[in-house]
Amino acid sequence: MKVQENILSLIGNTPLIRLEKIVAGFDGSFFTKLESFNPGHSNKDRIALHIIEEAEKKGILSDGDTVIETTSGNTGFSLAMVSLVKGYNCILAVSSKSSNDKIEMLNAMGAKVYVCPANVSAEDPRSYYQVAKKLHKELKNSVYINQYFNDLNIEAHYKSTGPEIWEQTAGKITHLVACSGTGGTISGCAKYLKEQNAAIEIIGVDAYGSVLKKYHETRELDVNEIYPYRIEGLGKNMIPTATDFDIIDTFIKVTDEDSAYTARELTRSEGLFVGYTSGAAMQAVKQLNQLGHFHNESVVVIIFPDHGSRYMSKIYSDTWMNEQGFFENANQVKNKIIYI
């Protein structure tokens, strides 16, 4: 019989899909690595499985132990899913910026969830970083995944996502565009791809309000760059060691508003129901195209990290979009819901 042993065997080997309407008139060919095809609907399935299995190999995880992590939602869901299948407890410290959809999904997956204030410093005891560390110290037989400072985050994508992209493009890729949060996805993919062809350009996407772009350019953490922003899973107010800044060629920043519009545009034009960070990645490509960054021979791969279902109360809610003032500044197409 053609069956999978469990849902974890479906992680990886996500499709590469050609983009058409949203890139009409652009120079080059554009493709998305659609990570929502992972069973947990995001690229974070890859690191969750890899890190947990490495912990098992080292003998630091056994039946009944507890997995603890700091997350904006997607890593948490993936860890909760893997933990359920493998028989571990799961405790997650989540930013209050995470959508209610994500938080409720974590709860539905059996995780214990601590919702922590988003707009505090990383050193604040209420921050989701410090809450996770405190829980790990207090709870015996627990493992703190610590994705922001875990080299296995990079390794997971070096061993899976990067090779998949190289094979799927038959080695023709010229540009990789990926959002940078923990930095594991972009760094792992970049490491593998650069080993195959050092000329491939690696472009990181950052948010206004985040420190990553300036740190890449100056190697200095400028706290004046930090202010609240809405995009989840993108940018940081500290420097994660899971980001290899030396292997990333350039960063480009995108706004909350443009990224939200572009996510909705992707859904309406390509039929790809993608998340907020995917909209940010596509928005970066649009901005780069306007700057003449690509040429006719460009083969551009854009990583779309997760699924739109996790943002129903945010970017796919007209109410939320109106509350942010987003509809005031553009002739944006709204949903058409008619009650009889």
Protein backbone atom coordinates (compact mmCIF):
# COMPACT_ATOMS: atom_id res chain seq x y z
CA MET A 1 0.00 0.00 0.00
CA LYS A 2 1.17 3.54 -0.74
CA VAL A 3 0.93 5.12 2.71
CA GLN A 4 2.96 7.46 4.91
CA GLU A 5 4.07 6.20 8.32
CA ASN A 6 2.90 9.46 9.92
CA ILE A 7 2.47 13.12 9.06
CA LEU A 8 6.15 13.91 9.70
CA SER A 9 7.22 11.98 6.60
CA LEU A 10 5.45 14.65 4.52
CA ILE A 11 7.84 17.40 5.63
CA GLY A 12 9.98 18.83 2.81
CA ASN A 13 9.97 18.39 -0.97
CA THR A 14 7.64 21.36 -1.37
CA PRO A 15 6.82 22.50 -4.92
CA LEU A 16 8.42 25.27 -6.95
CA ILE A 17 5.69 27.19 -8.77
CA ARG A 18 6.03 29.71 -11.60
CA LEU A 19 4.51 33.13 -10.93
CA GLU A 20 2.68 34.75 -13.83
CA LYS A 21 0.16 37.55 -13.35
CA ILE A 22 1.77 39.37 -10.43
CA VAL A 23 5.10 39.56 -12.30
CA ALA A 24 3.68 40.46 -15.71
CA GLY A 25 6.12 42.81 -17.43
CA PHE A 26 8.99 42.04 -15.05
CA ASP A 27 12.42 41.16 -16.43
CA GLY A 28 13.30 37.52 -15.74
CA SER A 29 11.50 34.39 -14.58
CA PHE A 30 10.02 34.21 -11.09
CA PHE A 31 9.18 31.18 -8.98
CA THR A 32 7.95 30.58 -5.46
CA LYS A 33 9.12 27.86 -3.13
CA LEU A 34 5.70 27.20 -1.60
CA GLU A 35 6.41 26.11 1.98
CA SER A 36 2.73 25.97 2.94
CA PHE A 37 2.78 22.52 1.34
CA ASN A 38 4.52 21.20 4.45
CA PRO A 39 2.01 19.38 6.69
CA GLY A 40 2.25 22.12 9.34
CA HIS A 41 1.74 24.71 6.58
CA SER A 42 5.10 26.46 7.00
CA ASN A 43 8.85 26.18 6.46
CA LYS A 44 9.27 25.80 10.23
CA ASP A 45 8.31 22.12 9.99
CA ARG A 46 11.81 21.52 8.66
CA ILE A 47 13.65 22.95 11.66
CA ALA A 48 11.22 21.49 14.21
CA LEU A 49 11.76 17.95 12.96
CA HIS A 50 15.51 18.36 12.46
CA ILE A 51 16.24 19.92 15.86
CA ILE A 52 14.08 17.44 17.78
CA GLU A 53 15.59 14.44 15.99
CA GLU A 54 19.10 15.74 16.66
CA ALA A 55 18.17 16.07 20.36
CA GLU A 56 16.95 12.47 20.30
CA LYS A 57 20.20 11.29 18.75
CA LYS A 58 22.16 13.04 21.51
CA GLY A 59 19.98 11.45 24.19
CA ILE A 60 18.67 14.73 25.60
CA LEU A 61 15.03 14.05 24.69
CA SER A 62 13.02 11.01 25.72
CA ASP A 63 9.34 10.06 26.11
CA GLY A 64 7.41 12.46 28.31
CA ASP A 65 10.01 15.25 28.20
CA THR A 66 9.01 18.83 27.40
CA VAL A 67 9.95 20.93 24.38
CA ILE A 68 10.07 24.69 25.09
CA GLU A 69 10.38 27.45 22.52
CA THR A 70 10.05 31.14 21.75
CA THR A 71 7.94 31.67 18.64
CA SER A 72 5.88 34.08 16.57
CA GLY A 73 3.58 31.14 15.86
CA ASN A 74 4.81 29.01 12.97
CA THR A 75 7.75 27.35 14.72
CA GLY A 76 5.48 26.74 17.69
CA PHE A 77 2.88 24.99 15.59
CA SER A 78 5.53 22.81 13.95
CA LEU A 79 7.09 21.92 17.30
CA ALA A 80 3.67 21.14 18.78
CA MET A 81 2.89 18.88 15.81
CA VAL A 82 6.22 17.02 15.98
CA SER A 83 5.98 16.76 19.78
CA LEU A 84 2.50 15.26 19.58
CA VAL A 85 3.57 12.58 17.12
CA LYS A 86 6.74 11.76 19.05
CA GLY A 87 5.22 11.83 22.56
CA TYR A 88 6.63 15.03 24.08
CA ASN A 89 4.95 17.87 25.95
CA CYS A 90 5.21 21.31 24.37
CA ILE A 91 5.31 24.75 26.01
CA LEU A 92 5.46 27.89 23.88
CA ALA A 93 6.16 31.54 24.67
CA VAL A 94 4.43 33.59 21.98
CA SER A 95 4.54 37.26 21.07
CA SER A 96 1.25 39.12 21.51
CA LYS A 97 1.81 40.36 17.93
CA SER A 98 0.98 36.86 16.71
CA SER A 99 -2.48 36.56 15.21
CA ASN A 100 -5.27 35.03 17.28
CA ASP A 101 -5.52 32.40 14.55
CA LYS A 102 -1.97 31.25 15.29
CA ILE A 103 -2.42 31.29 19.06
CA GLU A 104 -5.63 29.27 18.89
CA MET A 105 -4.00 26.79 16.51
CA LEU A 106 -1.17 26.24 19.00
CA ASN A 107 -3.71 25.55 21.72
CA ALA A 108 -5.64 23.20 19.43
CA MET A 109 -2.41 21.29 18.76
CA GLY A 110 -2.06 20.61 22.49
CA ALA A 111 0.64 23.12 23.39
CA LYS A 112 0.62 25.18 26.58
CA VAL A 113 0.88 28.79 25.41
CA TYR A 114 2.23 31.85 27.23
CA VAL A 115 1.30 35.07 25.39
CA CYS A 116 3.93 37.75 26.09
CA PRO A 117 3.89 41.51 25.28
CA ALA A 118 5.45 42.23 21.88
CA ASN A 119 6.71 45.75 22.35
CA VAL A 120 9.25 45.18 25.11
CA SER A 121 13.03 44.72 24.85
CA ALA A 122 14.51 41.25 24.47
CA GLU A 123 15.99 41.61 27.98
CA ASP A 124 12.65 42.47 29.63
CA PRO A 125 11.55 39.57 31.90
CA ARG A 126 8.11 39.71 30.24
CA SER A 127 9.57 39.21 26.71
CA TYR A 128 8.91 35.87 25.12
CA TYR A 129 12.65 35.20 25.04
CA GLN A 130 13.03 35.58 28.81
CA VAL A 131 9.78 33.75 29.62
CA ALA A 132 10.94 30.70 27.63
CA LYS A 133 14.34 30.72 29.34
CA LYS A 134 12.71 30.97 32.78
CA LEU A 135 10.36 28.08 32.06
CA HIS A 136 13.28 25.95 30.86
CA LYS A 137 15.22 26.61 34.08
CA GLU A 138 12.22 25.78 36.25
CA LEU A 139 11.09 22.63 34.46
CA LYS A 140 13.11 19.45 34.75
CA ASN A 141 13.47 17.20 31.70
CA SER A 142 12.88 20.09 29.30
CA VAL A 143 14.73 21.12 26.14
CA TYR A 144 14.83 24.74 24.98
CA ILE A 145 14.93 24.81 21.17
CA ASN A 146 16.21 28.43 21.05
CA GLN A 147 15.82 28.78 17.28
CA TYR A 148 17.35 32.28 17.20
CA PHE A 149 20.70 31.01 18.47
CA ASN A 150 20.68 27.41 17.28
CA ASP A 151 22.97 26.43 14.39
CA LEU A 152 20.69 23.47 13.68
CA ASN A 153 18.18 26.04 12.39
CA ILE A 154 20.62 26.79 9.55
CA GLU A 155 21.58 23.15 9.10
CA ALA A 156 17.96 22.06 8.56
CA HIS A 157 17.65 24.28 5.49
CA TYR A 158 21.20 23.57 4.31
CA LYS A 159 20.28 19.88 4.17
CA SER A 160 16.78 20.22 2.71
CA THR A 161 15.45 23.51 1.32
CA GLY A 162 18.67 24.61 -0.38
CA PRO A 163 19.25 21.32 -2.23
CA GLU A 164 15.59 21.18 -3.27
CA ILE A 165 15.78 24.66 -4.83
CA TRP A 166 19.00 23.81 -6.66
CA GLU A 167 17.53 20.61 -8.08
CA GLN A 168 14.16 22.12 -8.96
CA THR A 169 15.76 24.97 -10.93
CA ALA A 170 18.29 22.59 -12.55
CA GLY A 171 20.99 24.86 -11.13
CA LYS A 172 19.72 27.87 -13.09
CA ILE A 173 18.77 30.01 -10.08
CA THR A 174 20.38 33.47 -10.14
CA HIS A 175 18.62 35.16 -7.19
CA LEU A 176 17.13 33.92 -3.91
CA VAL A 177 14.73 36.24 -2.07
CA ALA A 178 13.76 35.27 1.48
CA CYS A 179 12.52 37.03 4.57
CA SER A 180 14.87 37.05 7.55
CA GLY A 181 13.61 36.52 11.09
CA THR A 182 15.69 33.96 12.92
CA GLY A 183 17.70 33.83 9.70
CA GLY A 184 17.83 30.04 9.53
CA THR A 185 15.96 29.69 6.25
CA ILE A 186 17.89 32.29 4.28
CA SER A 187 21.26 31.33 5.79
CA GLY A 188 20.88 27.58 5.28
CA CYS A 189 19.64 27.95 1.72
CA ALA A 190 22.33 30.52 0.93
CA LYS A 191 25.11 28.33 2.27
CA TYR A 192 24.13 25.42 0.06
CA LEU A 193 23.40 27.49 -3.04
CA LYS A 194 26.60 29.52 -2.80
CA GLU A 195 28.57 26.27 -2.59
CA GLN A 196 27.04 25.27 -5.93
CA ASN A 197 27.40 28.71 -7.56
CA ALA A 198 28.97 31.63 -5.72
CA ALA A 199 27.41 34.09 -8.18
CA ILE A 200 23.87 33.45 -6.91
CA GLU A 201 22.64 36.64 -5.23
CA ILE A 202 21.05 36.22 -1.80
CA ILE A 203 18.55 38.95 -0.92
CA GLY A 204 17.17 39.25 2.60
CA VAL A 205 13.87 40.95 3.34
CA ASP A 206 13.60 43.04 6.51
CA ALA A 207 10.86 45.16 8.10
CA TYR A 208 10.90 48.83 9.00
CA GLY A 209 11.30 48.80 12.78
CA SER A 210 13.84 45.95 12.65
CA VAL A 211 17.62 46.14 13.09
CA LEU A 212 18.75 43.46 10.60
CA LYS A 213 19.37 45.52 7.45
CA LYS A 214 21.48 48.15 9.22
CA TYR A 215 23.38 45.50 11.16
CA HIS A 216 24.20 43.75 7.88
CA GLU A 217 25.60 47.00 6.50
CA THR A 218 27.45 48.27 9.60
CA ARG A 219 27.79 45.27 11.97
CA GLU A 220 26.39 47.55 14.66
CA LEU A 221 23.12 47.11 16.55
CA ASP A 222 21.34 50.45 16.33
CA VAL A 223 18.53 50.61 18.90
CA ASN A 224 17.24 53.74 17.18
CA GLU A 225 16.09 51.48 14.35
CA ILE A 226 13.68 49.66 16.66
CA TYR A 227 9.97 50.52 16.73
CA PRO A 228 6.75 48.47 16.62
CA TYR A 229 5.66 46.91 13.34
CA ARG A 230 2.91 44.47 12.39
CA ILE A 231 4.49 41.79 10.17
CA GLU A 232 4.98 38.51 12.03
CA GLY A 233 8.03 36.28 11.68
CA LEU A 234 10.12 38.94 9.93
CA GLY A 235 12.85 41.20 11.32
CA LYS A 236 14.19 41.39 14.86
CA ASN A 237 15.01 43.81 17.70
CA MET A 238 18.18 41.84 18.47
CA ILE A 239 20.79 39.96 16.43
CA PRO A 240 20.15 36.20 16.10
CA THR A 241 23.27 34.07 15.67
CA ALA A 242 21.22 31.79 13.41
CA THR A 243 21.68 34.47 10.74
CA ASP A 244 24.88 34.25 8.70
CA PHE A 245 25.15 37.88 7.63
CA ASP A 246 28.35 37.22 5.66
CA ILE A 247 26.57 34.96 3.18
CA ILE A 248 23.67 37.37 2.51
CA ASP A 249 24.46 39.86 -0.26
CA THR A 250 21.94 42.57 0.50
CA PHE A 251 18.82 43.42 2.50
CA ILE A 252 15.75 45.36 1.44
CA LYS A 253 13.06 46.73 3.76
CA VAL A 254 9.30 46.59 3.20
CA THR A 255 6.40 48.23 5.00
CA ASP A 256 3.54 46.58 6.90
CA GLU A 257 1.01 48.14 4.58
CA ASP A 258 2.62 47.21 1.26
CA SER A 259 3.24 43.65 2.46
CA ALA A 260 -0.41 43.22 3.48
CA TYR A 261 -1.63 44.50 0.10
CA THR A 262 0.76 42.25 -1.78
CA ALA A 263 -0.25 39.12 0.15
CA ARG A 264 -3.85 39.79 -0.81
CA GLU A 265 -2.78 40.51 -4.38
CA LEU A 266 -0.98 37.16 -4.57
CA THR A 267 -4.14 35.39 -3.45
CA ARG A 268 -6.33 37.21 -5.97
CA SER A 269 -3.92 37.03 -8.93
CA GLU A 270 -2.15 33.68 -8.54
CA GLY A 271 -4.60 31.72 -6.38
CA LEU A 272 -1.85 31.31 -3.78
CA PHE A 273 -3.34 31.77 -0.31
CA VAL A 274 -0.21 32.99 1.44
CA GLY A 275 0.69 34.60 4.75
CA TYR A 276 1.88 38.08 5.72
CA THR A 277 5.58 37.26 5.39
CA SER A 278 5.03 35.84 1.91
CA GLY A 279 3.47 39.16 0.97
CA ALA A 280 6.58 40.87 2.33
CA ALA A 281 8.88 38.69 0.21
CA MET A 282 6.85 39.39 -2.93
CA GLN A 283 6.72 43.09 -2.13
CA ALA A 284 10.54 43.11 -1.96
CA VAL A 285 10.67 41.59 -5.45
CA LYS A 286 8.31 44.27 -6.75
CA GLN A 287 10.52 47.00 -5.29
CA LEU A 288 13.68 45.41 -6.70
CA ASN A 289 12.08 45.14 -10.13
CA GLN A 290 11.23 48.86 -10.03
CA LEU A 291 14.91 49.52 -9.30
CA GLY A 292 15.93 47.51 -12.38
CA HIS A 293 17.60 44.85 -10.27
CA PHE A 294 16.71 41.91 -12.53
CA HIS A 295 17.37 41.15 -16.22
CA ASN A 296 15.85 38.88 -18.85
CA GLU A 297 18.06 35.94 -17.86
CA SER A 298 17.29 36.21 -14.14
CA VAL A 299 15.84 33.10 -12.47
CA VAL A 300 14.42 34.36 -9.19
CA VAL A 301 13.22 32.04 -6.42
CA ILE A 302 11.11 33.62 -3.67
CA ILE A 303 10.43 31.66 -0.50
CA PHE A 304 6.80 31.95 0.63
CA PRO A 305 7.03 30.69 4.24
CA ASP A 306 3.45 29.98 5.31
CA HIS A 307 -0.28 29.80 4.62
CA GLY A 308 -2.89 32.53 4.59
CA SER A 309 -5.22 30.67 6.96
CA ARG A 310 -3.08 31.92 9.85
CA TYR A 311 -3.94 35.52 9.10
CA MET A 312 -7.72 35.46 8.75
CA SER A 313 -8.10 37.89 11.66
CA LYS A 314 -5.41 40.16 10.23
CA ILE A 315 -4.50 40.83 6.59
CA TYR A 316 -7.49 38.89 5.22
CA SER A 317 -9.91 40.74 7.50
CA ASP A 318 -11.29 43.98 6.05
CA THR A 319 -12.06 45.06 9.62
CA TRP A 320 -8.41 44.68 10.66
CA MET A 321 -7.15 46.37 7.50
CA ASN A 322 -9.46 49.32 8.16
CA GLU A 323 -8.34 49.50 11.80
CA GLN A 324 -4.73 49.83 10.64
CA GLY A 325 -5.70 52.63 8.25
CA PHE A 326 -4.47 50.61 5.30
CA PHE A 327 -7.55 51.05 3.11
CA GLU A 328 -7.31 54.82 3.46
CA ASN A 329 -4.13 55.07 1.41
CA ALA A 330 -4.80 52.86 -1.59
CA ASN A 331 -7.59 51.81 -3.90
CA GLN A 332 -7.47 48.30 -2.46
CA VAL A 333 -9.96 45.63 -3.55
CA LYS A 334 -11.97 44.50 -0.53
CA ASN A 335 -13.72 41.23 0.05
CA LYS A 336 -17.17 40.78 -1.44
CA ILE A 337 -19.37 39.13 1.15
CA ILE A 338 -23.10 39.38 0.62
CA TYR A 339 -25.56 38.16 3.26
CA ILE A 340 -29.05 37.17 2.10
